[in-house]
PDB file of N, CA and C in Angstrom:
ATOM      1  N   MET A   1       0.851  -1.198   0.098  1.00  0.00           N
ATOM      2  CA  MET A   1      -0.040  -0.016   0.008  1.00  0.00           C
ATOM      3  C   MET A   1       0.867   1.189  -0.004  1.00  0.00           C
ATOM      4  N   LYS A   2       0.628   2.128  -0.928  1.00  0.00           N
ATOM      5  CA  LYS A   2       1.382   3.385  -0.900  1.00  0.00           C
ATOM      6  C   LYS A   2       0.664   4.406  -0.083  1.00  0.00           C
ATOM      7  N   THR A   3       1.502   5.109   0.718  1.00  0.00           N
ATOM      8  CA  THR A   3       1.006   6.194   1.531  1.00  0.00           C
ATOM      9  C   THR A   3       1.697   7.509   1.240  1.00  0.00           C
ATOM     10  N   ASN A   4       1.052   8.577   1.605  1.00  0.00           N
ATOM     11  CA  ASN A   4       1.595   9.959   1.439  1.00  0.00           C
ATOM     12  C   ASN A   4       1.903  10.482   2.752  1.00  0.00           C
ATOM     13  N   LYS A   5       3.032  11.247   2.768  1.00  0.00           N
ATOM     14  CA  LYS A   5       3.362  11.986   4.106  1.00  0.00           C
ATOM     15  C   LYS A   5       2.436  13.016   4.337  1.00  0.00           C
ATOM     16  N   PHE A   6       1.889  13.099   5.553  1.00  0.00           N
ATOM     17  CA  PHE A   6       0.883  14.140   5.917  1.00  0.00           C
ATOM     18  C   PHE A   6       1.617  15.453   6.074  1.00  0.00           C
ATOM     19  N   ASP A   7       1.082  16.473   5.557  1.00  0.00           N
ATOM     20  CA  ASP A   7       1.634  17.791   5.591  1.00  0.00           C
ATOM     21  C   ASP A   7       0.540  18.723   6.162  1.00  0.00           C
ATOM     22  N   ILE A   8       0.684  19.139   7.438  1.00  0.00           N
ATOM     23  CA  ILE A   8      -0.374  19.956   8.094  1.00  0.00           C
ATOM     24  C   ILE A   8      -0.508  21.262   7.364  1.00  0.00           C
ATOM     25  N   ILE A   9       0.490  21.746   6.747  1.00  0.00           N
ATOM     26  CA  ILE A   9       0.459  23.049   6.011  1.00  0.00           C
ATOM     27  C   ILE A   9      -0.694  23.064   4.996  1.00  0.00           C
ATOM     28  N   LYS A  10      -0.717  22.028   4.358  1.00  0.00           N
ATOM     29  CA  LYS A  10      -1.785  21.798   3.204  1.00  0.00           C
ATOM     30  C   LYS A  10      -3.122  21.840   3.732  1.00  0.00           C
ATOM     31  N   GLU A  11      -3.318  21.474   4.973  1.00  0.00           N
ATOM     32  CA  GLU A  11      -4.679  21.463   5.619  1.00  0.00           C
ATOM     33  C   GLU A  11      -5.102  22.814   6.181  1.00  0.00           C
ATOM     34  N   LEU A  12      -4.143  23.680   6.402  1.00  0.00           N
ATOM     35  CA  LEU A  12      -4.443  25.045   6.977  1.00  0.00           C
ATOM     36  C   LEU A  12      -4.758  26.040   5.895  1.00  0.00           C
ATOM     37  N   LYS A  13      -5.929  25.964   5.355  1.00  0.00           N
ATOM     38  CA  LYS A  13      -6.338  26.680   4.121  1.00  0.00           C
ATOM     39  C   LYS A  13      -7.030  28.040   4.520  1.00  0.00           C
ATOM     40  N   THR A  14      -7.604  28.109   5.670  1.00  0.00           N
ATOM     41  CA  THR A  14      -8.404  29.329   6.025  1.00  0.00           C
ATOM     42  C   THR A  14      -7.809  29.940   7.295  1.00  0.00           C
ATOM     43  N   ASN A  15      -8.140  31.170   7.657  1.00  0.00           N
ATOM     44  CA  ASN A  15      -7.747  31.781   8.890  1.00  0.00           C
ATOM     45  C   ASN A  15      -8.324  31.005  10.032  1.00  0.00           C
ATOM     46  N   ARG A  16      -9.442  30.535   9.874  1.00  0.00           N
ATOM     47  CA  ARG A  16     -10.160  29.710  10.924  1.00  0.00           C
ATOM     48  C   ARG A  16      -9.378  28.384  11.239  1.00  0.00           C
ATOM     49  N   ASP A  17      -8.823  27.802  10.169  1.00  0.00           N
ATOM     50  CA  ASP A  17      -7.957  26.597  10.228  1.00  0.00           C
ATOM     51  C   ASP A  17      -6.733  26.882  11.032  1.00  0.00           C
ATOM     52  N   ILE A  18      -6.135  28.092  10.692  1.00  0.00           N
ATOM     53  CA  ILE A  18      -4.827  28.474  11.318  1.00  0.00           C
ATOM     54  C   ILE A  18      -5.165  28.843  12.810  1.00  0.00           C
ATOM     55  N   ASP A  19      -6.294  29.516  13.103  1.00  0.00           N
ATOM     56  CA  ASP A  19      -6.671  29.881  14.475  1.00  0.00           C
ATOM     57  C   ASP A  19      -6.782  28.679  15.399  1.00  0.00           C
ATOM     58  N   GLY A  20      -7.491  27.646  14.880  1.00  0.00           N
ATOM     59  CA  GLY A  20      -7.623  26.356  15.642  1.00  0.00           C
ATOM     60  C   GLY A  20      -6.346  25.741  15.816  1.00  0.00           C
ATOM     61  N   PHE A  21      -5.449  25.739  14.829  1.00  0.00           N
ATOM     62  CA  PHE A  21      -4.178  25.107  14.948  1.00  0.00           C
ATOM     63  C   PHE A  21      -3.291  25.856  16.142  1.00  0.00           C
ATOM     64  N   ILE A  22      -3.202  27.187  15.932  1.00  0.00           N
ATOM     65  CA  ILE A  22      -2.413  27.896  16.873  1.00  0.00           C
ATOM     66  C   ILE A  22      -3.024  27.819  18.319  1.00  0.00           C
ATOM     67  N   SER A  23      -4.343  27.837  18.433  1.00  0.00           N
ATOM     68  CA  SER A  23      -4.935  27.742  19.834  1.00  0.00           C
ATOM     69  C   SER A  23      -4.580  26.457  20.466  1.00  0.00           C
ATOM     70  N   ALA A  24      -4.662  25.345  19.704  1.00  0.00           N
ATOM     71  CA  ALA A  24      -4.249  23.989  20.270  1.00  0.00           C
ATOM     72  C   ALA A  24      -2.834  23.992  20.724  1.00  0.00           C
ATOM     73  N   PHE A  25      -1.956  24.516  19.954  1.00  0.00           N
ATOM     74  CA  PHE A  25      -0.569  24.511  20.382  1.00  0.00           C
ATOM     75  C   PHE A  25      -0.296  25.523  21.590  1.00  0.00           C
ATOM     76  N   ILE A  26      -0.866  26.665  21.623  1.00  0.00           N
ATOM     77  CA  ILE A  26      -0.756  27.611  22.709  1.00  0.00           C
ATOM     78  C   ILE A  26      -1.252  26.856  23.974  1.00  0.00           C
ATOM     79  N   LYS A  27      -2.335  26.159  23.973  1.00  0.00           N
ATOM     80  CA  LYS A  27      -2.805  25.475  25.176  1.00  0.00           C
ATOM     81  C   LYS A  27      -1.781  24.381  25.582  1.00  0.00           C
ATOM     82  N   GLU A  28      -1.335  23.640  24.710  1.00  0.00           N
ATOM     83  CA  GLU A  28      -0.356  22.633  24.877  1.00  0.00           C
ATOM     84  C   GLU A  28       0.952  23.255  25.522  1.00  0.00           C
ATOM     85  N   ALA A  29       1.335  24.359  24.885  1.00  0.00           N
ATOM     86  CA  ALA A  29       2.525  25.046  25.408  1.00  0.00           C
ATOM     87  C   ALA A  29       2.440  25.537  26.771  1.00  0.00           C
ATOM     88  N   GLU A  30       1.238  26.008  27.157  1.00  0.00           N
ATOM     89  CA  GLU A  30       0.895  26.579  28.536  1.00  0.00           C
ATOM     90  C   GLU A  30       0.996  25.389  29.505  1.00  0.00           C
ATOM     91  N   GLU A  31       0.598  24.157  29.136  1.00  0.00           N
ATOM     92  CA  GLU A  31       0.504  23.078  29.947  1.00  0.00           C
ATOM     93  C   GLU A  31       1.930  22.438  30.201  1.00  0.00           C
ATOM     94  N   SER A  32       2.737  22.596  29.257  1.00  0.00           N
ATOM     95  CA  SER A  32       4.061  21.962  29.272  1.00  0.00           C
ATOM     96  C   SER A  32       5.171  22.962  29.429  1.00  0.00           C
ATOM     97  N   ASP A  33       4.888  24.278  29.590  1.00  0.00           N
ATOM     98  CA  ASP A  33       5.961  25.365  29.673  1.00  0.00           C
ATOM     99  C   ASP A  33       6.946  25.256  28.504  1.00  0.00           C
ATOM    100  N   SER A  34       6.410  25.059  27.339  1.00  0.00           N
ATOM    101  CA  SER A  34       7.263  24.829  26.204  1.00  0.00           C
ATOM    102  C   SER A  34       7.112  25.937  25.141  1.00  0.00           C
ATOM    103  N   ILE A  35       8.117  26.815  25.106  1.00  0.00           N
ATOM    104  CA  ILE A  35       8.132  27.967  24.151  1.00  0.00           C
ATOM    105  C   ILE A  35       8.359  27.290  22.705  1.00  0.00           C
ATOM    106  N   GLU A  36       8.986  26.155  22.664  1.00  0.00           N
ATOM    107  CA  GLU A  36       9.161  25.464  21.384  1.00  0.00           C
ATOM    108  C   GLU A  36       7.922  25.224  20.668  1.00  0.00           C
ATOM    109  N   GLN A  37       6.803  24.833  21.486  1.00  0.00           N
ATOM    110  CA  GLN A  37       5.528  24.545  20.918  1.00  0.00           C
ATOM    111  C   GLN A  37       4.885  25.842  20.252  1.00  0.00           C
ATOM    112  N   ILE A  38       5.129  26.953  20.892  1.00  0.00           N
ATOM    113  CA  ILE A  38       4.583  28.200  20.324  1.00  0.00           C
ATOM    114  C   ILE A  38       5.314  28.543  19.042  1.00  0.00           C
ATOM    115  N   LEU A  39       6.723  28.385  19.166  1.00  0.00           N
ATOM    116  CA  LEU A  39       7.497  28.781  17.896  1.00  0.00           C
ATOM    117  C   LEU A  39       7.063  27.806  16.729  1.00  0.00           C
ATOM    118  N   TYR A  40       6.933  26.500  17.046  1.00  0.00           N
ATOM    119  CA  TYR A  40       6.572  25.555  16.018  1.00  0.00           C
ATOM    120  C   TYR A  40       5.215  25.964  15.501  1.00  0.00           C
ATOM    121  N   ALA A  41       4.218  26.378  16.175  1.00  0.00           N
ATOM    122  CA  ALA A  41       2.841  26.807  15.809  1.00  0.00           C
ATOM    123  C   ALA A  41       3.008  28.058  14.916  1.00  0.00           C
ATOM    124  N   LEU A  42       3.772  28.982  15.369  1.00  0.00           N
ATOM    125  CA  LEU A  42       3.943  30.186  14.600  1.00  0.00           C
ATOM    126  C   LEU A  42       4.663  29.981  13.231  1.00  0.00           C
ATOM    127  N   GLY A  43       5.627  29.050  13.327  1.00  0.00           N
ATOM    128  CA  GLY A  43       6.408  28.620  12.082  1.00  0.00           C
ATOM    129  C   GLY A  43       5.355  28.003  11.010  1.00  0.00           C
ATOM    130  N   ILE A  44       4.550  27.049  11.506  1.00  0.00           N
ATOM    131  CA  ILE A  44       3.631  26.332  10.622  1.00  0.00           C
ATOM    132  C   ILE A  44       2.600  27.386  10.118  1.00  0.00           C
ATOM    133  N   ALA A  45       2.101  28.230  10.988  1.00  0.00           N
ATOM    134  CA  ALA A  45       1.095  29.184  10.587  1.00  0.00           C
ATOM    135  C   ALA A  45       1.678  30.172   9.524  1.00  0.00           C
ATOM    136  N   ALA A  46       2.980  30.604   9.687  1.00  0.00           N
ATOM    137  CA  ALA A  46       3.627  31.461   8.742  1.00  0.00           C
ATOM    138  C   ALA A  46       3.735  30.793   7.313  1.00  0.00           C
ATOM    139  N   LYS A  47       4.173  29.474   7.457  1.00  0.00           N
ATOM    140  CA  LYS A  47       4.255  28.768   6.201  1.00  0.00           C
ATOM    141  C   LYS A  47       2.940  28.620   5.457  1.00  0.00           C
ATOM    142  N   ALA A  48       1.945  28.329   6.282  1.00  0.00           N
ATOM    143  CA  ALA A  48       0.588  28.279   5.596  1.00  0.00           C
ATOM    144  C   ALA A  48       0.133  29.512   4.996  1.00  0.00           C
ATOM    145  N   LYS A  49       0.420  30.668   5.617  1.00  0.00           N
ATOM    146  CA  LYS A  49      -0.019  31.923   5.116  1.00  0.00           C
ATOM    147  C   LYS A  49       0.966  32.387   4.024  1.00  0.00           C
ATOM    148  N   GLY A  50       2.141  32.025   4.096  1.00  0.00           N
ATOM    149  CA  GLY A  50       3.187  32.332   3.094  1.00  0.00           C
ATOM    150  C   GLY A  50       4.329  33.043   3.836  1.00  0.00           C
ATOM    151  N   MET A  51       5.458  32.419   3.789  1.00  0.00           N
ATOM    152  CA  MET A  51       6.618  32.888   4.586  1.00  0.00           C
ATOM    153  C   MET A  51       6.988  34.327   4.145  1.00  0.00           C
ATOM    154  N   LEU A  52       7.074  34.551   2.856  1.00  0.00           N
ATOM    155  CA  LEU A  52       7.472  35.898   2.404  1.00  0.00           C
ATOM    156  C   LEU A  52       6.437  36.908   2.818  1.00  0.00           C
ATOM    157  N   LYS A  53       5.197  36.553   2.621  1.00  0.00           N
ATOM    158  CA  LYS A  53       4.116  37.558   3.060  1.00  0.00           C
ATOM    159  C   LYS A  53       4.226  37.813   4.613  1.00  0.00           C
ATOM    160  N   THR A  54       4.362  36.773   5.415  1.00  0.00           N
ATOM    161  CA  THR A  54       4.453  37.030   6.760  1.00  0.00           C
ATOM    162  C   THR A  54       5.702  37.721   7.175  1.00  0.00           C
ATOM    163  N   ALA A  55       6.800  37.436   6.554  1.00  0.00           N
ATOM    164  CA  ALA A  55       8.084  38.135   6.823  1.00  0.00           C
ATOM    165  C   ALA A  55       7.881  39.600   6.457  1.00  0.00           C
ATOM    166  N   ASN A  56       7.329  39.912   5.355  1.00  0.00           N
ATOM    167  CA  ASN A  56       7.154  41.325   4.959  1.00  0.00           C
ATOM    168  C   ASN A  56       6.293  42.095   5.879  1.00  0.00           C
ATOM    169  N   GLU A  57       5.201  41.401   6.314  1.00  0.00           N
ATOM    170  CA  GLU A  57       4.281  42.124   7.312  1.00  0.00           C
ATOM    171  C   GLU A  57       4.924  42.264   8.601  1.00  0.00           C
ATOM    172  N   ALA A  58       5.785  41.353   8.978  1.00  0.00           N
ATOM    173  CA  ALA A  58       6.465  41.416  10.247  1.00  0.00           C
ATOM    174  C   ALA A  58       7.683  42.348  10.245  1.00  0.00           C
ATOM    175  N   GLY A  59       8.077  42.816   9.106  1.00  0.00           N
ATOM    176  CA  GLY A  59       9.251  43.690   8.964  1.00  0.00           C
ATOM    177  C   GLY A  59      10.606  43.025   9.201  1.00  0.00           C
ATOM    178  N   VAL A  60      10.599  41.717   8.871  1.00  0.00           N
ATOM    179  CA  VAL A  60      11.826  40.901   8.950  1.00  0.00           C
ATOM    180  C   VAL A  60      12.097  40.214   7.585  1.00  0.00           C
ATOM    181  N   ASN A  61      13.344  39.803   7.306  1.00  0.00           N
ATOM    182  CA  ASN A  61      13.582  39.151   6.014  1.00  0.00           C
ATOM    183  C   ASN A  61      13.232  37.643   6.201  1.00  0.00           C
ATOM    184  N   ARG A  62      12.916  37.120   5.084  1.00  0.00           N
ATOM    185  CA  ARG A  62      12.390  35.653   5.070  1.00  0.00           C
ATOM    186  C   ARG A  62      13.369  34.725   5.728  1.00  0.00           C
ATOM    187  N   GLU A  63      14.737  34.819   5.391  1.00  0.00           N
ATOM    188  CA  GLU A  63      15.593  33.984   5.969  1.00  0.00           C
ATOM    189  C   GLU A  63      15.696  34.109   7.488  1.00  0.00           C
ATOM    190  N   GLN A  64      15.638  35.329   7.961  1.00  0.00           N
ATOM    191  CA  GLN A  64      15.603  35.554   9.455  1.00  0.00           C
ATOM    192  C   GLN A  64      14.404  34.878  10.018  1.00  0.00           C
ATOM    193  N   LEU A  65      13.339  35.023   9.348  1.00  0.00           N
ATOM    194  CA  LEU A  65      12.154  34.343   9.920  1.00  0.00           C
ATOM    195  C   LEU A  65      12.134  32.834   9.938  1.00  0.00           C
ATOM    196  N   TYR A  66      12.737  32.235   8.884  1.00  0.00           N
ATOM    197  CA  TYR A  66      12.968  30.692   8.853  1.00  0.00           C
ATOM    198  C   TYR A  66      13.937  30.379  10.047  1.00  0.00           C
ATOM    199  N   ARG A  67      14.962  31.124  10.237  1.00  0.00           N
ATOM    200  CA  ARG A  67      15.906  30.812  11.289  1.00  0.00           C
ATOM    201  C   ARG A  67      15.311  30.957  12.676  1.00  0.00           C
ATOM    202  N   SER A  68      14.471  32.057  12.858  1.00  0.00           N
ATOM    203  CA  SER A  68      13.935  32.427  14.130  1.00  0.00           C
ATOM    204  C   SER A  68      12.931  31.298  14.578  1.00  0.00           C
ATOM    205  N   LEU A  69      12.155  30.866  13.551  1.00  0.00           N
ATOM    206  CA  LEU A  69      11.157  29.812  13.888  1.00  0.00           C
ATOM    207  C   LEU A  69      11.479  28.392  13.717  1.00  0.00           C
ATOM    208  N   SER A  70      12.853  28.190  13.492  1.00  0.00           N
ATOM    209  CA  SER A  70      13.340  26.783  13.316  1.00  0.00           C
ATOM    210  C   SER A  70      13.462  26.162  14.749  1.00  0.00           C
ATOM    211  N   LYS A  71      13.738  24.820  14.726  1.00  0.00           N
ATOM    212  CA  LYS A  71      13.894  24.107  16.002  1.00  0.00           C
ATOM    213  C   LYS A  71      15.130  24.690  16.802  1.00  0.00           C
ATOM    214  N   LYS A  72      16.153  25.192  16.119  1.00  0.00           N
ATOM    215  CA  LYS A  72      17.219  25.817  16.851  1.00  0.00           C
ATOM    216  C   LYS A  72      17.180  27.312  16.958  1.00  0.00           C
ATOM    217  N   GLY A  73      15.994  27.878  16.566  1.00  0.00           N
ATOM    218  CA  GLY A  73      15.809  29.287  16.614  1.00  0.00           C
ATOM    219  C   GLY A  73      15.599  29.810  18.022  1.00  0.00           C
ATOM    220  N   ASN A  74      16.052  31.079  18.114  1.00  0.00           N
ATOM    221  CA  ASN A  74      15.914  31.688  19.399  1.00  0.00           C
ATOM    222  C   ASN A  74      15.563  33.256  19.168  1.00  0.00           C
ATOM    223  N   PRO A  75      14.261  33.350  18.688  1.00  0.00           N
ATOM    224  CA  PRO A  75      13.854  34.723  18.332  1.00  0.00           C
ATOM    225  C   PRO A  75      13.751  35.559  19.517  1.00  0.00           C
ATOM    226  N   SER A  76      13.921  36.926  19.211  1.00  0.00           N
ATOM    227  CA  SER A  76      13.710  37.881  20.340  1.00  0.00           C
ATOM    228  C   SER A  76      12.189  38.041  20.550  1.00  0.00           C
ATOM    229  N   PHE A  77      11.907  38.545  21.776  1.00  0.00           N
ATOM    230  CA  PHE A  77      10.482  38.880  21.937  1.00  0.00           C
ATOM    231  C   PHE A  77       9.917  39.709  20.864  1.00  0.00           C
ATOM    232  N   LYS A  78      10.723  40.734  20.476  1.00  0.00           N
ATOM    233  CA  LYS A  78      10.232  41.647  19.434  1.00  0.00           C
ATOM    234  C   LYS A  78       9.848  40.954  18.132  1.00  0.00           C
ATOM    235  N   THR A  79      10.623  39.915  17.794  1.00  0.00           N
ATOM    236  CA  THR A  79      10.365  39.112  16.572  1.00  0.00           C
ATOM    237  C   THR A  79       9.003  38.364  16.741  1.00  0.00           C
ATOM    238  N   ILE A  80       8.875  37.755  17.915  1.00  0.00           N
ATOM    239  CA  ILE A  80       7.688  36.926  18.302  1.00  0.00           C
ATOM    240  C   ILE A  80       6.413  37.909  18.210  1.00  0.00           C
ATOM    241  N   PHE A  81       6.540  39.016  18.725  1.00  0.00           N
ATOM    242  CA  PHE A  81       5.456  40.043  18.783  1.00  0.00           C
ATOM    243  C   PHE A  81       5.142  40.424  17.283  1.00  0.00           C
ATOM    244  N   LYS A  82       6.032  40.649  16.551  1.00  0.00           N
ATOM    245  CA  LYS A  82       5.850  41.109  15.131  1.00  0.00           C
ATOM    246  C   LYS A  82       5.181  39.947  14.330  1.00  0.00           C
ATOM    247  N   VAL A  83       5.739  38.824  14.440  1.00  0.00           N
ATOM    248  CA  VAL A  83       5.236  37.573  13.663  1.00  0.00           C
ATOM    249  C   VAL A  83       3.745  37.396  14.120  1.00  0.00           C
ATOM    250  N   ALA A  84       3.499  37.415  15.460  1.00  0.00           N
ATOM    251  CA  ALA A  84       2.138  37.186  15.834  1.00  0.00           C
ATOM    252  C   ALA A  84       1.293  38.208  15.350  1.00  0.00           C
ATOM    253  N   LYS A  85       1.549  39.488  15.261  1.00  0.00           N
ATOM    254  CA  LYS A  85       0.741  40.610  14.755  1.00  0.00           C
ATOM    255  C   LYS A  85       0.518  40.264  13.261  1.00  0.00           C
ATOM    256  N   SER A  86       1.610  39.890  12.538  1.00  0.00           N
ATOM    257  CA  SER A  86       1.398  39.641  11.107  1.00  0.00           C
ATOM    258  C   SER A  86       0.443  38.506  10.817  1.00  0.00           C
ATOM    259  N   LEU A  87       0.345  37.587  11.775  1.00  0.00           N
ATOM    260  CA  LEU A  87      -0.642  36.493  11.685  1.00  0.00           C
ATOM    261  C   LEU A  87      -1.976  36.782  12.255  1.00  0.00           C
ATOM    262  N   GLY A  88      -2.177  38.078  12.714  1.00  0.00           N
ATOM    263  CA  GLY A  88      -3.390  38.501  13.217  1.00  0.00           C
ATOM    264  C   GLY A  88      -3.705  38.241  14.670  1.00  0.00           C
ATOM    265  N   TYR A  89      -2.591  38.197  15.452  1.00  0.00           N
ATOM    266  CA  TYR A  89      -2.674  37.848  17.007  1.00  0.00           C
ATOM    267  C   TYR A  89      -1.927  38.890  17.628  1.00  0.00           C
ATOM    268  N   LYS A  90      -2.214  38.993  18.934  1.00  0.00           N
ATOM    269  CA  LYS A  90      -1.520  39.854  19.894  1.00  0.00           C
ATOM    270  C   LYS A  90      -1.124  38.867  21.101  1.00  0.00           C
ATOM    271  N   VAL A  91       0.050  39.266  21.640  1.00  0.00           N
ATOM    272  CA  VAL A  91       0.537  38.454  22.791  1.00  0.00           C
ATOM    273  C   VAL A  91       0.007  39.112  24.041  1.00  0.00           C
ATOM    274  N   ILE A  92      -0.676  38.334  24.877  1.00  0.00           N
ATOM    275  CA  ILE A  92      -1.349  38.880  25.978  1.00  0.00           C
ATOM    276  C   ILE A  92      -0.777  38.199  27.273  1.00  0.00           C
ATOM    277  N   PHE A  93      -0.516  38.908  28.329  1.00  0.00           N
ATOM    278  CA  PHE A  93      -0.157  38.322  29.510  1.00  0.00           C
ATOM    279  C   PHE A  93      -1.252  38.595  30.539  1.00  0.00           C
ATOM    280  N   GLU A  94      -1.728  37.523  31.095  1.00  0.00           N
ATOM    281  CA  GLU A  94      -2.894  37.521  32.019  1.00  0.00           C
ATOM    282  C   GLU A  94      -2.386  36.970  33.451  1.00  0.00           C
ATOM    283  N   PRO A  95      -2.948  37.536  34.436  1.00  0.00           N
ATOM    284  CA  PRO A  95      -2.639  36.955  35.777  1.00  0.00           C
ATOM    285  C   PRO A  95      -3.149  35.459  35.834  1.00  0.00           C
ATOM    286  N   ILE A  96      -2.402  34.637  36.476  1.00  0.00           N
ATOM    287  CA  ILE A  96      -2.817  33.210  36.681  1.00  0.00           C
ATOM    288  C   ILE A  96      -3.776  33.334  37.901  1.00  0.00           C
ATOM    289  N   SER A  97      -4.933  32.771  37.677  1.00  0.00           N
ATOM    290  CA  SER A  97      -6.003  32.755  38.773  1.00  0.00           C
ATOM    291  C   SER A  97      -5.485  31.666  39.814  1.00  0.00           C
ATOM    292  N   LYS A  98      -5.504  32.054  41.028  1.00  0.00           N
ATOM    293  CA  LYS A  98      -5.097  31.162  42.176  1.00  0.00           C
ATOM    294  C   LYS A  98      -6.333  30.899  43.032  1.00  0.00           C
ATOM    295  N   ALA A  99      -7.521  30.771  42.429  1.00  0.00           N
ATOM    296  CA  ALA A  99      -8.683  30.649  43.183  1.00  0.00           C
ATOM    297  C   ALA A  99      -8.783  29.213  43.843  1.00  0.00           C
TER     298      ALA A  99
END
């Protein structure tokens, strides 16, 4: 039986698809304290939207964006904020409820 490699990027066709994908990874990242999950989600969303378009809207070059969102990437907070904004998100810090 021949199988094809699954490519999530091909499945993220609409903003709603991307929203659901990012939301799932943000929730997982919060539970595991993993910034890598957030960077992975932003990278996949940027690729789905178009890396060049995302880079242009974020005010960074495409190569820098690829490096920043790679497994070995270490983007600045400024870059994360710019990329999130270019994807239609804002980074929010909320108090942790201790109820």
